């Protein structure tokens, strides 16, 4: 199985303003973009609740989850790669 690096810009999921009423749709989009067993990088302007919900949804789906921004650089959120 080849592990891919998938970058998800959360701002692109919602456009102008993120809405709690559309949260499940954002989660579904992120899961589709992430695929199964890949290294996933979350980035982009988004409310903290959206980052938290997407990170929670990716647990068990992504092999490795990373947050990145110009200020922090890459921060590993979780890494379940046995190698």
PDB file of N, CA and C in Angstrom:
ATOM      1  N   UNK A   1       0.845  -1.187   0.000  1.00  0.00           N
ATOM      2  CA  UNK A   1       0.000   0.000   0.000  1.00  0.00           C
ATOM      3  C   UNK A   1       0.889   1.248   0.000  1.00  0.00           C
ATOM      4  N   UNK A   2       0.656   2.119  -0.960  1.00  0.00           N
ATOM      5  CA  UNK A   2       1.429   3.349  -1.041  1.00  0.00           C
ATOM      6  C   UNK A   2       0.722   4.455  -0.251  1.00  0.00           C
ATOM      7  N   UNK A   3       1.466   5.075   0.650  1.00  0.00           N
ATOM      8  CA  UNK A   3       0.912   6.165   1.460  1.00  0.00           C
ATOM      9  C   UNK A   3       1.118   7.475   0.708  1.00  0.00           C
ATOM     10  N   UNK A   4       0.043   8.198   0.531  1.00  0.00           N
ATOM     11  CA  UNK A   4       0.104   9.498  -0.139  1.00  0.00           C
ATOM     12  C   UNK A   4       0.033  10.606   0.891  1.00  0.00           C
ATOM     13  N   UNK A   5       0.553  11.755   0.533  1.00  0.00           N
ATOM     14  CA  UNK A   5       0.426  12.958   1.355  1.00  0.00           C
ATOM     15  C   UNK A   5      -0.701  13.786   0.750  1.00  0.00           C
ATOM     16  N   UNK A   6      -1.754  13.971   1.506  1.00  0.00           N
ATOM     17  CA  UNK A   6      -2.918  14.734   1.041  1.00  0.00           C
ATOM     18  C   UNK A   6      -3.030  16.015   1.854  1.00  0.00           C
ATOM     19  N   UNK A   7      -3.069  17.149   1.192  1.00  0.00           N
ATOM     20  CA  UNK A   7      -3.193  18.446   1.852  1.00  0.00           C
ATOM     21  C   UNK A   7      -4.636  18.922   1.707  1.00  0.00           C
ATOM     22  N   UNK A   8      -5.248  19.244   2.838  1.00  0.00           N
ATOM     23  CA  UNK A   8      -6.630  19.736   2.839  1.00  0.00           C
ATOM     24  C   UNK A   8      -6.634  21.158   3.379  1.00  0.00           C
ATOM     25  N   UNK A   9      -6.980  22.100   2.512  1.00  0.00           N
ATOM     26  CA  UNK A   9      -7.132  23.498   2.916  1.00  0.00           C
ATOM     27  C   UNK A   9      -8.581  23.669   3.377  1.00  0.00           C
ATOM     28  N   UNK A  10      -8.762  23.790   4.677  1.00  0.00           N
ATOM     29  CA  UNK A  10     -10.118  23.834   5.224  1.00  0.00           C
ATOM     30  C   UNK A  10     -10.922  25.030   4.712  1.00  0.00           C
ATOM     31  N   UNK A  11     -10.267  26.116   4.387  1.00  0.00           N
ATOM     32  CA  UNK A  11     -10.971  27.285   3.857  1.00  0.00           C
ATOM     33  C   UNK A  11     -11.715  26.933   2.570  1.00  0.00           C
ATOM     34  N   UNK A  12     -11.155  26.019   1.797  1.00  0.00           N
ATOM     35  CA  UNK A  12     -11.789  25.641   0.536  1.00  0.00           C
ATOM     36  C   UNK A  12     -13.044  24.790   0.735  1.00  0.00           C
ATOM     37  N   UNK A  13     -13.219  24.246   1.931  1.00  0.00           N
ATOM     38  CA  UNK A  13     -14.412  23.438   2.198  1.00  0.00           C
ATOM     39  C   UNK A  13     -15.662  24.292   2.362  1.00  0.00           C
ATOM     40  N   UNK A  14     -15.480  25.518   2.857  1.00  0.00           N
ATOM     41  CA  UNK A  14     -16.677  26.290   3.203  1.00  0.00           C
ATOM     42  C   UNK A  14     -16.827  27.635   2.505  1.00  0.00           C
ATOM     43  N   UNK A  15     -15.844  28.171   1.867  1.00  0.00           N
ATOM     44  CA  UNK A  15     -16.009  29.447   1.167  1.00  0.00           C
ATOM     45  C   UNK A  15     -15.953  30.653   2.078  1.00  0.00           C
ATOM     46  N   UNK A  16     -16.969  31.512   2.029  1.00  0.00           N
ATOM     47  CA  UNK A  16     -16.965  32.775   2.778  1.00  0.00           C
ATOM     48  C   UNK A  16     -17.013  32.600   4.295  1.00  0.00           C
ATOM     49  N   UNK A  17     -17.962  31.832   4.784  1.00  0.00           N
ATOM     50  CA  UNK A  17     -18.135  31.690   6.236  1.00  0.00           C
ATOM     51  C   UNK A  17     -18.544  30.258   6.564  1.00  0.00           C
ATOM     52  N   UNK A  18     -17.826  29.669   7.509  1.00  0.00           N
ATOM     53  CA  UNK A  18     -18.166  28.311   7.957  1.00  0.00           C
ATOM     54  C   UNK A  18     -19.437  28.368   8.789  1.00  0.00           C
ATOM     55  N   UNK A  19     -20.300  27.361   8.591  1.00  0.00           N
ATOM     56  CA  UNK A  19     -21.578  27.330   9.309  1.00  0.00           C
ATOM     57  C   UNK A  19     -21.716  25.993  10.030  1.00  0.00           C
ATOM     58  N   UNK A  20     -22.022  26.058  11.308  1.00  0.00           N
ATOM     59  CA  UNK A  20     -22.211  24.836  12.092  1.00  0.00           C
ATOM     60  C   UNK A  20     -23.271  23.933  11.480  1.00  0.00           C
ATOM     61  N   UNK A  21     -24.283  24.515  10.900  1.00  0.00           N
ATOM     62  CA  UNK A  21     -25.367  23.733  10.298  1.00  0.00           C
ATOM     63  C   UNK A  21     -24.869  22.876   9.127  1.00  0.00           C
ATOM     64  N   UNK A  22     -23.722  23.220   8.565  1.00  0.00           N
ATOM     65  CA  UNK A  22     -23.179  22.481   7.429  1.00  0.00           C
ATOM     66  C   UNK A  22     -21.966  21.634   7.807  1.00  0.00           C
ATOM     67  N   UNK A  23     -21.758  21.446   9.104  1.00  0.00           N
ATOM     68  CA  UNK A  23     -20.581  20.746   9.603  1.00  0.00           C
ATOM     69  C   UNK A  23     -20.435  19.337   9.043  1.00  0.00           C
ATOM     70  N   UNK A  24     -21.499  18.572   8.986  1.00  0.00           N
ATOM     71  CA  UNK A  24     -21.414  17.201   8.483  1.00  0.00           C
ATOM     72  C   UNK A  24     -20.951  17.170   7.028  1.00  0.00           C
ATOM     73  N   UNK A  25     -21.370  18.137   6.248  1.00  0.00           N
ATOM     74  CA  UNK A  25     -20.922  18.226   4.861  1.00  0.00           C
ATOM     75  C   UNK A  25     -19.428  18.495   4.766  1.00  0.00           C
ATOM     76  N   UNK A  26     -18.896  19.357   5.647  1.00  0.00           N
ATOM     77  CA  UNK A  26     -17.457  19.626   5.663  1.00  0.00           C
ATOM     78  C   UNK A  26     -16.685  18.361   6.033  1.00  0.00           C
ATOM     79  N   UNK A  27     -17.207  17.624   7.008  1.00  0.00           N
ATOM     80  CA  UNK A  27     -16.552  16.379   7.435  1.00  0.00           C
ATOM     81  C   UNK A  27     -16.526  15.384   6.280  1.00  0.00           C
ATOM     82  N   UNK A  28     -17.625  15.233   5.587  1.00  0.00           N
ATOM     83  CA  UNK A  28     -17.694  14.298   4.464  1.00  0.00           C
ATOM     84  C   UNK A  28     -16.713  14.685   3.354  1.00  0.00           C
ATOM     85  N   UNK A  29     -16.615  15.979   3.065  1.00  0.00           N
ATOM     86  CA  UNK A  29     -15.657  16.442   2.057  1.00  0.00           C
ATOM     87  C   UNK A  29     -14.227  16.110   2.475  1.00  0.00           C
ATOM     88  N   UNK A  30     -13.898  16.377   3.736  1.00  0.00           N
ATOM     89  CA  UNK A  30     -12.546  16.122   4.245  1.00  0.00           C
ATOM     90  C   UNK A  30     -12.213  14.639   4.195  1.00  0.00           C
ATOM     91  N   UNK A  31     -13.162  13.793   4.577  1.00  0.00           N
ATOM     92  CA  UNK A  31     -12.922  12.348   4.539  1.00  0.00           C
ATOM     93  C   UNK A  31     -12.670  11.867   3.113  1.00  0.00           C
ATOM     94  N   UNK A  32     -13.403  12.401   2.164  1.00  0.00           N
ATOM     95  CA  UNK A  32     -13.203  12.039   0.761  1.00  0.00           C
ATOM     96  C   UNK A  32     -11.827  12.482   0.291  1.00  0.00           C
ATOM     97  N   UNK A  33     -11.440  13.701   0.623  1.00  0.00           N
ATOM     98  CA  UNK A  33     -10.141  14.224   0.212  1.00  0.00           C
ATOM     99  C   UNK A  33      -8.985  13.469   0.873  1.00  0.00           C
ATOM    100  N   UNK A  34      -9.177  13.046   2.100  1.00  0.00           N
ATOM    101  CA  UNK A  34      -8.112  12.373   2.858  1.00  0.00           C
ATOM    102  C   UNK A  34      -7.852  10.964   2.352  1.00  0.00           C
ATOM    103  N   UNK A  35      -8.900  10.286   1.924  1.00  0.00           N
ATOM    104  CA  UNK A  35      -8.736   8.890   1.543  1.00  0.00           C
ATOM    105  C   UNK A  35      -8.504   8.029   2.778  1.00  0.00           C
ATOM    106  N   UNK A  36      -8.028   6.826   2.568  1.00  0.00           N
ATOM    107  CA  UNK A  36      -7.847   5.863   3.657  1.00  0.00           C
ATOM    108  C   UNK A  36      -6.367   5.552   3.833  1.00  0.00           C
ATOM    109  N   UNK A  37      -5.853   5.734   5.052  1.00  0.00           N
ATOM    110  CA  UNK A  37      -4.487   5.340   5.374  1.00  0.00           C
ATOM    111  C   UNK A  37      -3.394   6.261   4.865  1.00  0.00           C
ATOM    112  N   UNK A  38      -3.726   7.489   4.509  1.00  0.00           N
ATOM    113  CA  UNK A  38      -2.736   8.433   3.995  1.00  0.00           C
ATOM    114  C   UNK A  38      -2.221   9.366   5.076  1.00  0.00           C
ATOM    115  N   UNK A  39      -1.158  10.088   4.747  1.00  0.00           N
ATOM    116  CA  UNK A  39      -0.681  11.180   5.582  1.00  0.00           C
ATOM    117  C   UNK A  39      -1.496  12.403   5.180  1.00  0.00           C
ATOM    118  N   UNK A  40      -2.161  13.033   6.142  1.00  0.00           N
ATOM    119  CA  UNK A  40      -3.049  14.149   5.842  1.00  0.00           C
ATOM    120  C   UNK A  40      -2.527  15.404   6.530  1.00  0.00           C
ATOM    121  N   UNK A  41      -2.509  16.494   5.768  1.00  0.00           N
ATOM    122  CA  UNK A  41      -2.069  17.784   6.284  1.00  0.00           C
ATOM    123  C   UNK A  41      -3.269  18.724   6.252  1.00  0.00           C
ATOM    124  N   UNK A  42      -3.606  19.291   7.409  1.00  0.00           N
ATOM    125  CA  UNK A  42      -4.675  20.286   7.491  1.00  0.00           C
ATOM    126  C   UNK A  42      -4.057  21.674   7.527  1.00  0.00           C
ATOM    127  N   UNK A  43      -4.615  22.578   6.751  1.00  0.00           N
ATOM    128  CA  UNK A  43      -4.126  23.941   6.692  1.00  0.00           C
ATOM    129  C   UNK A  43      -5.273  24.871   6.308  1.00  0.00           C
ATOM    130  N   UNK A  44      -5.013  26.163   6.271  1.00  0.00           N
ATOM    131  CA  UNK A  44      -5.998  27.139   5.821  1.00  0.00           C
ATOM    132  C   UNK A  44      -6.730  27.823   6.956  1.00  0.00           C
ATOM    133  N   UNK A  45      -7.310  28.967   6.638  1.00  0.00           N
ATOM    134  CA  UNK A  45      -8.093  29.729   7.622  1.00  0.00           C
ATOM    135  C   UNK A  45      -9.410  29.016   7.876  1.00  0.00           C
ATOM    136  N   UNK A  46      -9.652  28.722   9.139  1.00  0.00           N
ATOM    137  CA  UNK A  46     -10.896  28.043   9.512  1.00  0.00           C
ATOM    138  C   UNK A  46     -11.083  28.193  11.013  1.00  0.00           C
ATOM    139  N   UNK A  47     -12.328  28.127  11.464  1.00  0.00           N
ATOM    140  CA  UNK A  47     -12.574  28.199  12.905  1.00  0.00           C
ATOM    141  C   UNK A  47     -12.005  26.969  13.613  1.00  0.00           C
ATOM    142  N   UNK A  48     -11.623  27.147  14.858  1.00  0.00           N
ATOM    143  CA  UNK A  48     -11.024  26.055  15.617  1.00  0.00           C
ATOM    144  C   UNK A  48     -11.977  24.868  15.718  1.00  0.00           C
ATOM    145  N   UNK A  49     -13.278  25.112  15.818  1.00  0.00           N
ATOM    146  CA  UNK A  49     -14.219  23.999  15.929  1.00  0.00           C
ATOM    147  C   UNK A  49     -14.192  23.129  14.681  1.00  0.00           C
ATOM    148  N   UNK A  50     -13.913  23.733  13.526  1.00  0.00           N
ATOM    149  CA  UNK A  50     -13.843  22.954  12.292  1.00  0.00           C
ATOM    150  C   UNK A  50     -12.570  22.098  12.275  1.00  0.00           C
ATOM    151  N   UNK A  51     -11.457  22.690  12.692  1.00  0.00           N
ATOM    152  CA  UNK A  51     -10.213  21.911  12.792  1.00  0.00           C
ATOM    153  C   UNK A  51     -10.388  20.727  13.733  1.00  0.00           C
ATOM    154  N   UNK A  52     -10.990  20.969  14.889  1.00  0.00           N
ATOM    155  CA  UNK A  52     -11.165  19.901  15.878  1.00  0.00           C
ATOM    156  C   UNK A  52     -12.063  18.786  15.359  1.00  0.00           C
ATOM    157  N   UNK A  53     -13.156  19.143  14.739  1.00  0.00           N
ATOM    158  CA  UNK A  53     -14.093  18.144  14.226  1.00  0.00           C
ATOM    159  C   UNK A  53     -13.460  17.317  13.101  1.00  0.00           C
ATOM    160  N   UNK A  54     -12.747  17.974  12.204  1.00  0.00           N
ATOM    161  CA  UNK A  54     -12.100  17.258  11.100  1.00  0.00           C
ATOM    162  C   UNK A  54     -11.004  16.348  11.644  1.00  0.00           C
ATOM    163  N   UNK A  55     -10.204  16.836  12.588  1.00  0.00           N
ATOM    164  CA  UNK A  55      -9.145  16.003  13.180  1.00  0.00           C
ATOM    165  C   UNK A  55      -9.743  14.777  13.852  1.00  0.00           C
ATOM    166  N   UNK A  56     -10.834  14.953  14.551  1.00  0.00           N
ATOM    167  CA  UNK A  56     -11.492  13.829  15.220  1.00  0.00           C
ATOM    168  C   UNK A  56     -12.013  12.824  14.191  1.00  0.00           C
ATOM    169  N   UNK A  57     -12.593  13.324  13.123  1.00  0.00           N
ATOM    170  CA  UNK A  57     -13.141  12.445  12.074  1.00  0.00           C
ATOM    171  C   UNK A  57     -12.029  11.666  11.363  1.00  0.00           C
ATOM    172  N   UNK A  58     -10.835  12.239  11.271  1.00  0.00           N
ATOM    173  CA  UNK A  58      -9.737  11.580  10.566  1.00  0.00           C
ATOM    174  C   UNK A  58      -9.013  10.549  11.416  1.00  0.00           C
ATOM    175  N   UNK A  59      -9.257  10.562  12.725  1.00  0.00           N
ATOM    176  CA  UNK A  59      -8.620   9.568  13.589  1.00  0.00           C
ATOM    177  C   UNK A  59      -9.162   8.191  13.224  1.00  0.00           C
ATOM    178  N   UNK A  60      -8.263   7.276  12.913  1.00  0.00           N
ATOM    179  CA  UNK A  60      -8.675   5.953  12.454  1.00  0.00           C
ATOM    180  C   UNK A  60      -8.777   5.856  10.937  1.00  0.00           C
ATOM    181  N   UNK A  61      -8.726   6.981  10.256  1.00  0.00           N
ATOM    182  CA  UNK A  61      -8.768   7.010   8.785  1.00  0.00           C
ATOM    183  C   UNK A  61      -7.412   7.395   8.207  1.00  0.00           C
ATOM    184  N   UNK A  62      -6.752   8.368   8.838  1.00  0.00           N
ATOM    185  CA  UNK A  62      -5.445   8.824   8.376  1.00  0.00           C
ATOM    186  C   UNK A  62      -4.351   8.091   9.145  1.00  0.00           C
ATOM    187  N   UNK A  63      -3.283   7.787   8.459  1.00  0.00           N
ATOM    188  CA  UNK A  63      -2.136   7.151   9.107  1.00  0.00           C
ATOM    189  C   UNK A  63      -1.394   8.175   9.964  1.00  0.00           C
ATOM    190  N   UNK A  64      -1.350   9.406   9.455  1.00  0.00           N
ATOM    191  CA  UNK A  64      -0.638  10.482  10.145  1.00  0.00           C
ATOM    192  C   UNK A  64      -1.380  11.774   9.861  1.00  0.00           C
ATOM    193  N   UNK A  65      -1.575  12.601  10.894  1.00  0.00           N
ATOM    194  CA  UNK A  65      -2.258  13.880  10.727  1.00  0.00           C
ATOM    195  C   UNK A  65      -1.314  14.994  11.157  1.00  0.00           C
ATOM    196  N   UNK A  66      -1.194  15.999  10.292  1.00  0.00           N
ATOM    197  CA  UNK A  66      -0.293  17.121  10.518  1.00  0.00           C
ATOM    198  C   UNK A  66      -1.082  18.414  10.346  1.00  0.00           C
ATOM    199  N   UNK A  67      -0.791  19.387  11.214  1.00  0.00           N
ATOM    200  CA  UNK A  67      -1.318  20.745  11.053  1.00  0.00           C
ATOM    201  C   UNK A  67      -0.159  21.596  10.578  1.00  0.00           C
ATOM    202  N   UNK A  68      -0.415  22.506   9.639  1.00  0.00           N
ATOM    203  CA  UNK A  68       0.643  23.419   9.216  1.00  0.00           C
ATOM    204  C   UNK A  68       0.091  24.816   8.980  1.00  0.00           C
ATOM    205  N   UNK A  69       0.927  25.799   9.320  1.00  0.00           N
ATOM    206  CA  UNK A  69       0.628  27.201   9.044  1.00  0.00           C
ATOM    207  C   UNK A  69       1.956  27.927   8.873  1.00  0.00           C
ATOM    208  N   UNK A  70       1.925  29.120   8.293  1.00  0.00           N
ATOM    209  CA  UNK A  70       3.176  29.871   8.142  1.00  0.00           C
ATOM    210  C   UNK A  70       3.834  30.192   9.485  1.00  0.00           C
ATOM    211  N   UNK A  71       3.051  30.307  10.525  1.00  0.00           N
ATOM    212  CA  UNK A  71       3.581  30.651  11.845  1.00  0.00           C
ATOM    213  C   UNK A  71       4.205  29.441  12.537  1.00  0.00           C
ATOM    214  N   UNK A  72       3.525  28.301  12.508  1.00  0.00           N
ATOM    215  CA  UNK A  72       3.981  27.131  13.270  1.00  0.00           C
ATOM    216  C   UNK A  72       4.855  26.177  12.478  1.00  0.00           C
ATOM    217  N   UNK A  73       4.727  26.181  11.163  1.00  0.00           N
ATOM    218  CA  UNK A  73       5.335  25.114  10.378  1.00  0.00           C
ATOM    219  C   UNK A  73       4.504  23.861  10.602  1.00  0.00           C
ATOM    220  N   UNK A  74       5.090  22.694  10.397  1.00  0.00           N
ATOM    221  CA  UNK A  74       4.344  21.445  10.550  1.00  0.00           C
ATOM    222  C   UNK A  74       4.339  20.986  12.009  1.00  0.00           C
ATOM    223  N   UNK A  75       3.154  20.628  12.487  1.00  0.00           N
ATOM    224  CA  UNK A  75       2.979  20.093  13.838  1.00  0.00           C
ATOM    225  C   UNK A  75       2.243  18.760  13.694  1.00  0.00           C
ATOM    226  N   UNK A  76       2.852  17.681  14.159  1.00  0.00           N
ATOM    227  CA  UNK A  76       2.216  16.368  14.073  1.00  0.00           C
ATOM    228  C   UNK A  76       1.146  16.269  15.155  1.00  0.00           C
ATOM    229  N   UNK A  77      -0.080  15.972  14.738  1.00  0.00           N
ATOM    230  CA  UNK A  77      -1.204  15.806  15.662  1.00  0.00           C
ATOM    231  C   UNK A  77      -1.262  14.361  16.140  1.00  0.00           C
ATOM    232  N   UNK A  78      -1.166  13.421  15.215  1.00  0.00           N
ATOM    233  CA  UNK A  78      -1.004  12.016  15.576  1.00  0.00           C
ATOM    234  C   UNK A  78      -0.248  11.298  14.477  1.00  0.00           C
ATOM    235  N   UNK A  79       0.395  10.212  14.859  1.00  0.00           N
ATOM    236  CA  UNK A  79       1.167   9.398  13.917  1.00  0.00           C
ATOM    237  C   UNK A  79       0.971   7.933  14.302  1.00  0.00           C
ATOM    238  N   UNK A  80       0.209   7.216  13.484  1.00  0.00           N
ATOM    239  CA  UNK A  80      -0.066   5.793  13.728  1.00  0.00           C
ATOM    240  C   UNK A  80       0.641   4.901  12.718  1.00  0.00           C
ATOM    241  N   UNK A  81       1.713   5.435  12.135  1.00  0.00           N
ATOM    242  CA  UNK A  81       2.499   4.653  11.183  1.00  0.00           C
ATOM    243  C   UNK A  81       3.393   3.694  11.968  1.00  0.00           C
ATOM    244  N   UNK A  82       3.218   2.388  11.788  1.00  0.00           N
ATOM    245  CA  UNK A  82       4.017   1.435  12.564  1.00  0.00           C
ATOM    246  C   UNK A  82       5.489   1.401  12.161  1.00  0.00           C
ATOM    247  N   UNK A  83       5.844   2.109  11.092  1.00  0.00           N
ATOM    248  CA  UNK A  83       7.230   2.107  10.636  1.00  0.00           C
ATOM    249  C   UNK A  83       7.855   3.426  10.969  1.00  0.00           C
TER     250      UNK A  83
END
